């Protein structure tokens, strides 16, 4: 299995993105939890 290449400044990983999609917390709470912006939370929350 190949290694996933992340941008060196990436704040989210595939595991965190999955957690964001499955979370029931608000966008604000997720942003605070992962130290990212609400826009980033929205991007990953609704992406398939």
N, C-alpha and C. Protein backbone atom coordinates (compact mmCIF):
# COMPACT_ATOMS: atom_id res chain seq x y z
N UNK A 1 0.85 -1.18 0.00
CA UNK A 1 0.00 0.00 0.00
C UNK A 1 0.89 1.24 0.00
N UNK A 2 0.56 2.24 -0.81
CA UNK A 2 1.38 3.44 -0.93
C UNK A 2 1.20 4.40 0.23
N UNK A 3 2.21 5.18 0.44
CA UNK A 3 2.17 6.20 1.48
C UNK A 3 1.39 7.42 0.97
N UNK A 4 0.60 8.01 1.83
CA UNK A 4 -0.13 9.22 1.48
C UNK A 4 0.81 10.40 1.63
N UNK A 5 0.90 11.22 0.61
CA UNK A 5 1.75 12.40 0.65
C UNK A 5 0.92 13.61 1.04
N UNK A 6 1.23 14.20 2.18
CA UNK A 6 0.54 15.40 2.62
C UNK A 6 1.43 16.61 2.36
N UNK A 7 0.79 17.72 2.07
CA UNK A 7 1.52 18.98 1.95
C UNK A 7 2.18 19.26 3.29
N UNK A 8 3.38 19.79 3.30
CA UNK A 8 4.11 19.95 4.56
C UNK A 8 3.42 20.91 5.54
N UNK A 9 2.53 21.75 5.03
CA UNK A 9 1.80 22.69 5.90
C UNK A 9 0.37 22.22 6.18
N UNK A 10 0.03 21.00 5.78
CA UNK A 10 -1.33 20.47 5.96
C UNK A 10 -1.69 20.42 7.44
N UNK A 11 -2.85 20.93 7.80
CA UNK A 11 -3.31 20.92 9.19
C UNK A 11 -4.21 19.72 9.47
N UNK A 12 -4.71 19.09 8.40
CA UNK A 12 -5.59 17.94 8.59
C UNK A 12 -5.01 16.72 7.89
N UNK A 13 -5.30 15.57 8.43
CA UNK A 13 -4.88 14.31 7.85
C UNK A 13 -6.14 13.57 7.42
N UNK A 14 -6.01 12.51 6.65
CA UNK A 14 -7.21 11.74 6.28
C UNK A 14 -8.00 11.26 7.50
N UNK A 15 -7.32 10.93 8.59
CA UNK A 15 -8.02 10.48 9.80
C UNK A 15 -8.83 11.63 10.40
N UNK A 16 -8.24 12.81 10.49
CA UNK A 16 -8.95 13.97 11.04
C UNK A 16 -10.12 14.34 10.13
N UNK A 17 -9.93 14.28 8.83
CA UNK A 17 -11.01 14.61 7.89
C UNK A 17 -12.19 13.66 8.07
N UNK A 18 -11.91 12.38 8.29
CA UNK A 18 -12.96 11.40 8.53
C UNK A 18 -13.69 11.72 9.83
N UNK A 19 -12.94 12.07 10.87
CA UNK A 19 -13.55 12.44 12.15
C UNK A 19 -14.45 13.66 11.99
N UNK A 20 -14.01 14.64 11.20
CA UNK A 20 -14.81 15.84 10.95
C UNK A 20 -16.12 15.46 10.26
N UNK A 21 -16.04 14.62 9.23
CA UNK A 21 -17.25 14.22 8.51
C UNK A 21 -18.24 13.49 9.41
N UNK A 22 -17.75 12.70 10.35
CA UNK A 22 -18.63 11.88 11.19
C UNK A 22 -19.02 12.57 12.49
N UNK A 23 -18.45 13.71 12.79
CA UNK A 23 -18.68 14.39 14.07
C UNK A 23 -20.07 15.00 14.17
N UNK A 24 -20.56 15.07 15.39
CA UNK A 24 -21.83 15.73 15.65
C UNK A 24 -21.62 17.10 16.30
N UNK A 25 -20.37 17.46 16.55
CA UNK A 25 -20.06 18.76 17.13
C UNK A 25 -20.33 19.86 16.11
N UNK A 26 -20.47 21.08 16.61
CA UNK A 26 -20.69 22.21 15.71
C UNK A 26 -19.40 22.54 14.96
N UNK A 27 -19.53 23.32 13.90
CA UNK A 27 -18.36 23.74 13.14
C UNK A 27 -17.39 24.50 14.04
N UNK A 28 -17.90 25.34 14.90
CA UNK A 28 -17.06 26.12 15.81
C UNK A 28 -16.27 25.21 16.76
N UNK A 29 -16.95 24.20 17.30
CA UNK A 29 -16.29 23.28 18.23
C UNK A 29 -15.23 22.44 17.52
N UNK A 30 -15.53 22.00 16.30
CA UNK A 30 -14.55 21.23 15.53
C UNK A 30 -13.33 22.08 15.18
N UNK A 31 -13.57 23.32 14.79
CA UNK A 31 -12.46 24.22 14.46
C UNK A 31 -11.56 24.42 15.67
N UNK A 32 -12.15 24.60 16.81
CA UNK A 32 -11.38 24.78 18.04
C UNK A 32 -10.61 23.50 18.39
N UNK A 33 -11.29 22.36 18.27
CA UNK A 33 -10.69 21.07 18.63
C UNK A 33 -9.45 20.77 17.78
N UNK A 34 -9.54 21.03 16.47
CA UNK A 34 -8.45 20.69 15.56
C UNK A 34 -7.56 21.88 15.21
N UNK A 35 -7.83 23.04 15.80
CA UNK A 35 -7.04 24.25 15.56
C UNK A 35 -7.00 24.60 14.07
N UNK A 36 -8.19 24.62 13.47
CA UNK A 36 -8.34 24.99 12.06
C UNK A 36 -9.48 26.00 11.96
N UNK A 37 -9.68 26.58 10.80
CA UNK A 37 -10.75 27.56 10.63
C UNK A 37 -12.09 26.86 10.39
N UNK A 38 -13.17 27.61 10.62
CA UNK A 38 -14.50 27.06 10.35
C UNK A 38 -14.67 26.79 8.86
N UNK A 39 -14.03 27.59 8.01
CA UNK A 39 -14.09 27.34 6.56
C UNK A 39 -13.48 25.98 6.23
N UNK A 40 -12.39 25.64 6.87
CA UNK A 40 -11.76 24.34 6.64
C UNK A 40 -12.66 23.22 7.12
N UNK A 41 -13.30 23.42 8.27
CA UNK A 41 -14.24 22.42 8.78
C UNK A 41 -15.35 22.20 7.76
N UNK A 42 -15.92 23.30 7.26
CA UNK A 42 -17.00 23.21 6.27
C UNK A 42 -16.54 22.46 5.02
N UNK A 43 -15.33 22.77 4.58
CA UNK A 43 -14.80 22.12 3.37
C UNK A 43 -14.77 20.61 3.53
N UNK A 44 -14.30 20.11 4.66
CA UNK A 44 -14.18 18.67 4.86
C UNK A 44 -15.46 18.03 5.35
N UNK A 45 -16.31 18.78 6.05
CA UNK A 45 -17.56 18.22 6.59
C UNK A 45 -18.49 17.78 5.47
N UNK A 46 -18.56 18.56 4.41
CA UNK A 46 -19.54 18.30 3.38
C UNK A 46 -18.95 17.72 2.10
N UNK A 47 -17.68 17.41 2.10
CA UNK A 47 -17.03 16.80 0.95
C UNK A 47 -17.22 15.29 1.03
N UNK A 48 -17.47 14.66 -0.07
CA UNK A 48 -17.68 13.20 -0.07
C UNK A 48 -16.40 12.48 -0.41
